[in-house]
C-alpha atoms as a PDB file:
ATOM      1  CA  MET A   1     106.564  83.078  90.808  1.00  0.00           C
ATOM      2  CA  PHE A   2     108.010  85.471  93.356  1.00  0.00           C
ATOM      3  CA  ILE A   3     107.641  84.140  96.981  1.00  0.00           C
ATOM      4  CA  ASP A   4     109.557  84.890 100.042  1.00  0.00           C
ATOM      5  CA  THR A   5     109.110  82.972 103.136  1.00  0.00           C
ATOM      6  CA  THR A   6     112.375  83.801 104.889  1.00  0.00           C
ATOM      7  CA  SER A   7     113.042  87.390 104.956  1.00  0.00           C
ATOM      8  CA  CYS A   8     110.278  88.239 107.568  1.00  0.00           C
ATOM      9  CA  PRO A   9     109.993  85.042 109.968  1.00  0.00           C
ATOM     10  CA  GLY A  10     106.308  84.346 110.409  1.00  0.00           C
ATOM     11  CA  PHE A  11     105.284  86.116 107.140  1.00  0.00           C
ATOM     12  CA  THR A  12     105.216  85.280 103.464  1.00  0.00           C
ATOM     13  CA  ILE A  13     105.699  87.955 100.707  1.00  0.00           C
ATOM     14  CA  ARG A  14     103.792  87.442  97.559  1.00  0.00           C
ATOM     15  CA  VAL A  15     103.111  89.219  94.292  1.00  0.00           C
ATOM     16  CA  LEU A  16      99.695  90.813  94.397  1.00  0.00           C
ATOM     17  CA  ASN A  17      98.022  89.422  91.184  1.00  0.00           C
ATOM     18  CA  LYS A  18      94.839  87.244  90.151  1.00  0.00           C
ATOM     19  CA  SER A  19      96.635  84.209  90.671  1.00  0.00           C
ATOM     20  CA  PHE A  20      97.264  84.861  94.345  1.00  0.00           C
ATOM     21  CA  LEU A  21      93.681  85.844  94.686  1.00  0.00           C
ATOM     22  CA  ALA A  22      92.326  82.801  92.880  1.00  0.00           C
ATOM     23  CA  GLU A  23      94.638  80.494  94.928  1.00  0.00           C
ATOM     24  CA  ASN A  24      93.176  81.974  98.182  1.00  0.00           C
ATOM     25  CA  ASN A  25      89.715  81.415  96.820  1.00  0.00           C
ATOM     26  CA  ASN A  26      90.034  77.993  96.027  1.00  0.00           C
ATOM     27  CA  ASN A  27      91.883  76.293  98.876  1.00  0.00           C
ATOM     28  CA  ASN A  28      89.664  76.923 101.592  1.00  0.00           C
ATOM     29  CA  ASN A  29      91.854  79.668 103.158  1.00  0.00           C
ATOM     30  CA  LYS A  30      90.499  81.474 106.001  1.00  0.00           C
ATOM     31  CA  THR A  31      90.844  84.627 103.948  1.00  0.00           C
ATOM     32  CA  PRO A  32      89.099  84.418 100.676  1.00  0.00           C
ATOM     33  CA  SER A  33      90.036  86.532  97.661  1.00  0.00           C
ATOM     34  CA  HIS A  34      87.219  89.211  97.993  1.00  0.00           C
ATOM     35  CA  HIS A  35      88.076  89.894 101.531  1.00  0.00           C
ATOM     36  CA  HIS A  36      91.810  90.140 100.652  1.00  0.00           C
ATOM     37  CA  ARG A  37      91.119  92.779  98.149  1.00  0.00           C
ATOM     38  CA  ASP A  38      88.706  94.582 100.507  1.00  0.00           C
ATOM     39  CA  HIS A  39      91.027  94.525 103.482  1.00  0.00           C
ATOM     40  CA  LEU A  40      93.921  95.689 101.527  1.00  0.00           C
ATOM     41  CA  ILE A  41      91.850  98.736 100.208  1.00  0.00           C
ATOM     42  CA  SER A  42      90.775  99.627 103.661  1.00  0.00           C
ATOM     43  CA  MET A  43      94.264  99.133 105.127  1.00  0.00           C
ATOM     44  CA  VAL A  44      96.168 101.312 102.619  1.00  0.00           C
ATOM     45  CA  ALA A  45      93.376 104.071 102.834  1.00  0.00           C
ATOM     46  CA  THR A  46      93.491 103.885 106.628  1.00  0.00           C
ATOM     47  CA  SER A  47      97.223 104.017 106.700  1.00  0.00           C
ATOM     48  CA  PHE A  48      97.558 107.154 104.597  1.00  0.00           C
ATOM     49  CA  ALA A  49      94.737 109.031 106.198  1.00  0.00           C
ATOM     50  CA  GLU A  50      96.036 108.339 109.750  1.00  0.00           C
ATOM     51  CA  GLY A  51      99.870 108.388 109.020  1.00  0.00           C
ATOM     52  CA  GLU A  52     100.754 110.104 105.830  1.00  0.00           C
ATOM     53  CA  PRO A  53     101.838 113.739 106.548  1.00  0.00           C
ATOM     54  CA  CYS A  54     100.313 115.360 103.586  1.00  0.00           C
ATOM     55  CA  CYS A  55      96.860 113.605 103.790  1.00  0.00           C
ATOM     56  CA  LYS A  56      96.870 114.382 107.613  1.00  0.00           C
ATOM     57  CA  PHE A  57      97.597 118.099 107.102  1.00  0.00           C
ATOM     58  CA  LEU A  58      94.812 118.526 104.341  1.00  0.00           C
ATOM     59  CA  GLY A  59      92.424 116.363 106.494  1.00  0.00           C
ATOM     60  CA  ILE A  60      91.837 113.920 103.805  1.00  0.00           C
ATOM     61  CA  THR A  61      89.740 110.910 105.234  1.00  0.00           C
ATOM     62  CA  ALA A  62      90.225 107.159 104.857  1.00  0.00           C
ATOM     63  CA  GLU A  63      86.616 106.961 103.236  1.00  0.00           C
ATOM     64  CA  LEU A  64      87.480 109.585 100.609  1.00  0.00           C
ATOM     65  CA  LEU A  65      90.901 107.893  99.742  1.00  0.00           C
ATOM     66  CA  GLN A  66      89.264 104.458  99.680  1.00  0.00           C
ATOM     67  CA  GLU A  67      86.536 105.374  97.317  1.00  0.00           C
ATOM     68  CA  HIS A  68      88.297 107.622  94.838  1.00  0.00           C
ATOM     69  CA  LEU A  69      91.813 106.516  94.837  1.00  0.00           C
ATOM     70  CA  VAL A  70      92.842 103.358  96.408  1.00  0.00           C
ATOM     71  CA  LYS A  71      90.092 101.206  94.930  1.00  0.00           C
ATOM     72  CA  ALA A  72      91.108 101.797  91.589  1.00  0.00           C
ATOM     73  CA  LEU A  73      94.928 101.850  92.384  1.00  0.00           C
ATOM     74  CA  VAL A  74      94.443  98.277  93.947  1.00  0.00           C
ATOM     75  CA  ASP A  75      92.564  96.845  90.997  1.00  0.00           C
ATOM     76  CA  LYS A  76      95.064  98.420  88.670  1.00  0.00           C
ATOM     77  CA  THR A  77      98.121  96.742  90.492  1.00  0.00           C
ATOM     78  CA  ILE A  78      96.504  93.554  90.692  1.00  0.00           C
ATOM     79  CA  GLU A  79      96.432  93.368  86.741  1.00  0.00           C
ATOM     80  CA  GLU A  80     100.091  94.809  86.522  1.00  0.00           C
ATOM     81  CA  GLU A  81     101.503  92.346  88.859  1.00  0.00           C
ATOM     82  CA  LEU A  82     104.192  94.645  90.098  1.00  0.00           C
ATOM     83  CA  SER A  83     103.106  94.868  93.839  1.00  0.00           C
ATOM     84  CA  LEU A  84     103.877  92.971  96.851  1.00  0.00           C
ATOM     85  CA  VAL A  85     101.735  91.853  99.800  1.00  0.00           C
ATOM     86  CA  CYS A  86     102.824  90.624 103.216  1.00  0.00           C
ATOM     87  CA  ILE A  87     100.619  87.819 104.781  1.00  0.00           C
ATOM     88  CA  ASP A  88     100.590  86.810 108.352  1.00  0.00           C
ATOM     89  CA  ASN A  89     101.264  82.881 108.020  1.00  0.00           C
ATOM     90  CA  GLU A  90      98.973  82.534 111.191  1.00  0.00           C
ATOM     91  CA  THR A  91      95.844  84.301 110.113  1.00  0.00           C
ATOM     92  CA  GLY A  92      96.224  84.289 106.332  1.00  0.00           C
ATOM     93  CA  SER A  93      95.665  88.121 106.256  1.00  0.00           C
ATOM     94  CA  ILE A  94      97.475  90.598 104.281  1.00  0.00           C
ATOM     95  CA  VAL A  95      99.033  92.829 106.906  1.00  0.00           C
ATOM     96  CA  ALA A  96     101.485  94.971 104.726  1.00  0.00           C
ATOM     97  CA  THR A  97     101.943  95.973 101.162  1.00  0.00           C
ATOM     98  CA  MET A  98     104.052  97.975  98.628  1.00  0.00           C
ATOM     99  CA  LEU A  99     101.870  98.997  95.678  1.00  0.00           C
ATOM    100  CA  ASN A 100     103.988  99.802  92.668  1.00  0.00           C
ATOM    101  CA  GLU A 101     103.565 100.830  88.964  1.00  0.00           C
ATOM    102  CA  ASP A 102     105.813 101.619  86.096  1.00  0.00           C
ATOM    103  CA  PHE A 103     107.071 104.993  86.373  1.00  0.00           C
ATOM    104  CA  TYR A 104     106.666 105.382  82.530  1.00  0.00           C
ATOM    105  CA  ASP A 105     102.874 105.342  83.239  1.00  0.00           C
ATOM    106  CA  THR A 106     103.173 107.624  86.018  1.00  0.00           C
ATOM    107  CA  MET A 107     104.683 110.153  83.686  1.00  0.00           C
ATOM    108  CA  ASN A 108     102.278 109.563  80.837  1.00  0.00           C
ATOM    109  CA  PRO A 109      98.917 109.054  82.690  1.00  0.00           C
ATOM    110  CA  ASP A 110      95.402 108.441  81.346  1.00  0.00           C
ATOM    111  CA  GLU A 111      94.044 112.005  81.138  1.00  0.00           C
ATOM    112  CA  GLU A 112      90.329 110.850  81.835  1.00  0.00           C
ATOM    113  CA  ALA A 113      91.357 109.151  85.131  1.00  0.00           C
ATOM    114  CA  CYS A 114      93.198 112.168  86.132  1.00  0.00           C
ATOM    115  CA  GLU A 115      90.349 114.352  85.399  1.00  0.00           C
ATOM    116  CA  ALA A 116      88.084 112.171  87.353  1.00  0.00           C
ATOM    117  CA  LEU A 117      90.265 111.918  90.397  1.00  0.00           C
ATOM    118  CA  ALA A 118      90.745 115.708  90.454  1.00  0.00           C
ATOM    119  CA  ARG A 119      86.842 116.026  90.280  1.00  0.00           C
ATOM    120  CA  ASP A 120      85.902 113.306  92.894  1.00  0.00           C
ATOM    121  CA  LEU A 121      88.907 113.968  95.266  1.00  0.00           C
ATOM    122  CA  PRO A 122      89.860 117.772  95.033  1.00  0.00           C
ATOM    123  CA  GLU A 123      91.232 117.611  98.436  1.00  0.00           C
ATOM    124  CA  ALA A 124      94.189 115.660  96.969  1.00  0.00           C
ATOM    125  CA  ILE A 125      95.040 117.981  94.133  1.00  0.00           C
ATOM    126  CA  PRO A 126      97.937 119.583  96.077  1.00  0.00           C
ATOM    127  CA  ILE A 127      99.465 116.246  96.888  1.00  0.00           C
ATOM    128  CA  PHE A 128      99.501 115.303  93.220  1.00  0.00           C
ATOM    129  CA  ALA A 129     100.738 118.542  92.033  1.00  0.00           C
ATOM    130  CA  LEU A 130     103.557 118.043  94.499  1.00  0.00           C
ATOM    131  CA  LEU A 131     104.485 114.623  93.398  1.00  0.00           C
ATOM    132  CA  GLU A 132     104.364 115.985  89.733  1.00  0.00           C
ATOM    133  CA  HIS A 133     106.800 118.600  90.572  1.00  0.00           C
ATOM    134  CA  LEU A 134     109.295 116.223  92.106  1.00  0.00           C
ATOM    135  CA  GLU A 135     108.820 113.711  89.313  1.00  0.00           C
ATOM    136  CA  THR A 136     109.279 116.303  86.741  1.00  0.00           C
ATOM    137  CA  ARG A 137     112.526 117.394  88.207  1.00  0.00           C
ATOM    138  CA  LEU A 138     113.836 113.880  88.459  1.00  0.00           C
ATOM    139  CA  VAL A 139     112.989 113.195  84.797  1.00  0.00           C
ATOM    140  CA  GLU A 140     114.657 116.333  83.647  1.00  0.00           C
ATOM    141  CA  ARG A 141     117.785 115.609  85.661  1.00  0.00           C
ATOM    142  CA  ARG A 142     117.830 111.892  84.731  1.00  0.00           C
ATOM    143  CA  PHE A 143     116.268 111.440  81.530  1.00  0.00           C
ATOM    144  CA  GLY A 144     115.866 115.056  80.040  1.00  0.00           C
ATOM    145  CA  SER A 145     117.405 116.732  76.944  1.00  0.00           C
ATOM    146  CA  THR A 146     120.600 117.627  78.884  1.00  0.00           C
ATOM    147  CA  THR A 147     121.467 114.095  79.635  1.00  0.00           C
ATOM    148  CA  GLY A 148     120.408 112.577  76.382  1.00  0.00           C
ATOM    149  CA  GLY A 149     118.382 110.008  78.268  1.00  0.00           C
ATOM    150  CA  VAL A 150     115.038 108.761  77.300  1.00  0.00           C
ATOM    151  CA  MET A 151     112.800 106.705  79.813  1.00  0.00           C
ATOM    152  CA  LYS A 152     111.721 103.535  78.615  1.00  0.00           C
ATOM    153  CA  GLN A 153     108.680 101.350  79.745  1.00  0.00           C
ATOM    154  CA  ARG A 154     109.719  98.768  82.525  1.00  0.00           C
ATOM    155  CA  GLU A 155     112.860 100.686  83.243  1.00  0.00           C
ATOM    156  CA  VAL A 156     111.905 102.437  86.403  1.00  0.00           C
ATOM    157  CA  LEU A 157     109.589 100.954  89.157  1.00  0.00           C
ATOM    158  CA  HIS A 158     107.571 103.552  90.880  1.00  0.00           C
ATOM    159  CA  ALA A 159     107.057 102.523  94.500  1.00  0.00           C
ATOM    160  CA  PHE A 160     103.772 104.610  95.014  1.00  0.00           C
ATOM    161  CA  MET A 161     101.955 103.523  98.233  1.00  0.00           C
ATOM    162  CA  GLY A 162     103.178 101.367 101.055  1.00  0.00           C
ATOM    163  CA  ALA A 163     101.120 100.574 104.043  1.00  0.00           C
ATOM    164  CA  THR A 164     101.312  98.426 107.162  1.00  0.00           C
ATOM    165  CA  CYS A 165      98.422  97.292 109.553  1.00  0.00           C
ATOM    166  CA  LYS A 166      98.675  99.521 112.687  1.00  0.00           C
ATOM    167  CA  GLU A 167      98.908  96.424 115.003  1.00  0.00           C
ATOM    168  CA  TYR A 168     101.888  95.095 112.881  1.00  0.00           C
ATOM    169  CA  SER A 169     103.962  98.198 113.126  1.00  0.00           C
ATOM    170  CA  GLY A 170     107.512  98.039 114.562  1.00  0.00           C
ATOM    171  CA  ARG A 171     108.155  94.403 113.317  1.00  0.00           C
ATOM    172  CA  GLY A 172     110.297  95.388 110.383  1.00  0.00           C
ATOM    173  CA  LEU A 173     107.853  94.700 107.716  1.00  0.00           C
ATOM    174  CA  ALA A 174     108.093  98.104 105.989  1.00  0.00           C
ATOM    175  CA  SER A 175     111.932  97.723 105.566  1.00  0.00           C
ATOM    176  CA  CYS A 176     111.489  94.122 104.423  1.00  0.00           C
ATOM    177  CA  LEU A 177     108.826  94.963 101.689  1.00  0.00           C
ATOM    178  CA  ARG A 178     110.987  97.707 100.468  1.00  0.00           C
ATOM    179  CA  LYS A 179     113.944  95.585 100.130  1.00  0.00           C
ATOM    180  CA  LEU A 180     111.928  92.769  98.247  1.00  0.00           C
ATOM    181  CA  THR A 181     110.318  95.562  96.151  1.00  0.00           C
ATOM    182  CA  ALA A 182     114.017  96.231  95.074  1.00  0.00           C
ATOM    183  CA  GLU A 183     114.912  92.561  94.422  1.00  0.00           C
ATOM    184  CA  TYR A 184     111.502  91.841  92.703  1.00  0.00           C
ATOM    185  CA  ALA A 185     112.066  94.950  90.399  1.00  0.00           C
ATOM    186  CA  ARG A 186     115.539  93.673  89.530  1.00  0.00           C
ATOM    187  CA  GLU A 187     114.246  90.417  88.679  1.00  0.00           C
ATOM    188  CA  ALA A 188     111.482  91.920  86.432  1.00  0.00           C
ATOM    189  CA  GLY A 189     114.103  93.761  84.406  1.00  0.00           C
ATOM    190  CA  PHE A 190     113.776  97.189  85.996  1.00  0.00           C
ATOM    191  CA  ALA A 191     116.893  99.382  86.537  1.00  0.00           C
ATOM    192  CA  HIS A 192     115.813 101.710  89.001  1.00  0.00           C
ATOM    193  CA  VAL A 193     113.107 102.338  91.621  1.00  0.00           C
ATOM    194  CA  VAL A 194     111.599 105.834  92.284  1.00  0.00           C
ATOM    195  CA  VAL A 195     109.714 106.701  95.382  1.00  0.00           C
ATOM    196  CA  GLU A 196     108.567 109.996  97.116  1.00  0.00           C
ATOM    197  CA  PRO A 197     108.641 108.899 100.782  1.00  0.00           C
ATOM    198  CA  THR A 198     106.921 111.619 102.860  1.00  0.00           C
ATOM    199  CA  ASN A 199     107.103 109.983 106.344  1.00  0.00           C
ATOM    200  CA  PRO A 200     110.466 110.286 108.027  1.00  0.00           C
ATOM    201  CA  ALA A 201     110.646 106.613 108.918  1.00  0.00           C
ATOM    202  CA  THR A 202     110.323 105.660 105.183  1.00  0.00           C
ATOM    203  CA  GLN A 203     112.747 108.560 104.016  1.00  0.00           C
ATOM    204  CA  HIS A 204     115.331 106.795 106.326  1.00  0.00           C
ATOM    205  CA  ILE A 205     114.609 103.229 104.677  1.00  0.00           C
ATOM    206  CA  TRP A 206     115.099 104.380 101.342  1.00  0.00           C
ATOM    207  CA  THR A 207     117.997 106.625 101.834  1.00  0.00           C
ATOM    208  CA  ASN A 208     120.131 105.514 104.747  1.00  0.00           C
ATOM    209  CA  LYS A 209     119.196 101.694 104.818  1.00  0.00           C
ATOM    210  CA  MET A 210     118.812 100.978 100.934  1.00  0.00           C
ATOM    211  CA  GLY A 211     121.213 103.633  99.684  1.00  0.00           C
ATOM    212  CA  GLY A 212     118.716 105.609  97.352  1.00  0.00           C
ATOM    213  CA  THR A 213     119.888 109.127  96.205  1.00  0.00           C
ATOM    214  CA  VAL A 214     117.605 111.978  96.772  1.00  0.00           C
ATOM    215  CA  GLU A 215     117.174 113.549  93.389  1.00  0.00           C
ATOM    216  CA  CYS A 216     115.020 116.567  94.470  1.00  0.00           C
ATOM    217  CA  ARG A 217     113.959 118.184  97.882  1.00  0.00           C
ATOM    218  CA  LEU A 218     111.960 121.049  99.049  1.00  0.00           C
ATOM    219  CA  GLU A 219     110.004 121.741 102.354  1.00  0.00           C
ATOM    220  CA  ALA A 220     106.366 121.291 101.502  1.00  0.00           C
ATOM    221  CA  LYS A 221     105.577 124.547 103.171  1.00  0.00           C
ATOM    222  CA  ASP A 222     107.346 126.313 100.345  1.00  0.00           C
ATOM    223  CA  PHE A 223     105.557 124.456  97.551  1.00  0.00           C
ATOM    224  CA  ILE A 224     103.478 126.985  95.390  1.00  0.00           C
ATOM    225  CA  MET A 225     100.524 125.828  93.257  1.00  0.00           C
ATOM    226  CA  PRO A 226     100.009 127.424  89.718  1.00  0.00           C
ATOM    227  CA  ASP A 227      97.371 129.828  91.240  1.00  0.00           C
ATOM    228  CA  GLY A 228     100.135 130.977  93.787  1.00  0.00           C
ATOM    229  CA  SER A 229      98.742 129.507  96.794  1.00  0.00           C
ATOM    230  CA  LYS A 230     100.713 127.372  99.244  1.00  0.00           C
ATOM    231  CA  PRO A 231      98.434 124.347  99.944  1.00  0.00           C
ATOM    232  CA  PHE A 232     100.657 123.251 102.972  1.00  0.00           C
ATOM    233  CA  VAL A 233     100.400 126.511 104.940  1.00  0.00           C
ATOM    234  CA  SER A 234      97.060 126.718 106.650  1.00  0.00           C
ATOM    235  CA  ASP A 235      94.922 130.049 106.917  1.00  0.00           C
ATOM    236  CA  THR A 236      95.912 130.183 110.547  1.00  0.00           C
ATOM    237  CA  GLY A 237      99.688 130.358 109.552  1.00  0.00           C
ATOM    238  CA  SER A 238     100.656 126.730 110.562  1.00  0.00           C
ATOM    239  CA  SER A 239     102.413 124.803 108.058  1.00  0.00           C
ATOM    240  CA  MET A 240     103.524 121.279 107.321  1.00  0.00           C
ATOM    241  CA  GLU A 241     107.023 121.127 108.593  1.00  0.00           C
ATOM    242  CA  LYS A 242     108.328 118.095 106.499  1.00  0.00           C
ATOM    243  CA  ASP A 243     110.650 117.776 103.352  1.00  0.00           C
ATOM    244  CA  ALA A 244     109.296 116.487 100.366  1.00  0.00           C
ATOM    245  CA  ILE A 245     111.711 114.157  98.413  1.00  0.00           C
ATOM    246  CA  ILE A 246     112.029 111.916  95.556  1.00  0.00           C
ATOM    247  CA  VAL A 247     114.597 109.227  95.785  1.00  0.00           C
ATOM    248  CA  MET A 248     116.045 106.898  92.999  1.00  0.00           C
ATOM    249  CA  LEU A 249     117.467 103.663  93.793  1.00  0.00           C
ATOM    250  CA  THR A 250     119.785 102.006  91.038  1.00  0.00           C
ATOM    251  CA  LEU A 251     119.441  98.253  91.157  1.00  0.00           C
END
């Protein structure tokens, strides 16, 4: 069982899984399992609505993210046991997380789930189209026919959504979780970690601090949808002045 109690003094890093939730449901912990799950969902949705550049530019609310994306994602990650949570030792609450999945599954998604997401959360279609563009470029470069490579299951971990409670920002929890995500991925047999960090702070962590390689980069404002539209340029002419990148870290 992966447990880290030393990397972030005052905090414990655990794998997000049923055992962790059951443990907290049975030991009279201040924070029972159902609250852990609900709080985690709310924390991730709020963090992305308020701080993730693409969500902010497109005006996607925490309520929409929570209902149509994050709930299902958290439940999926609980089953897969690839994600980490950071717990405040004093309160017993989850205060940060890194939600991960097998990148093989990212590139071979459930079609019904994708259709449901597009139907229920159309505001996010440009974000997922941008991510797909970056991911396709990476796969072509690293695992395409020109390289002779084939991506296998449990070879590449996808660090999909990271979040920290606002009141805990600036304590180094984001850096700690990403470092431990790489360690946990290595222990689990993965050879690489892939991530699309849109926030400059997390881009700095993955590239400058952890040594990840930028495999593809483009300015978000230049991204063109299949219908020819530029979703990250508004009708008034304002645009999202951020680089969209995909980073690969070899373990």
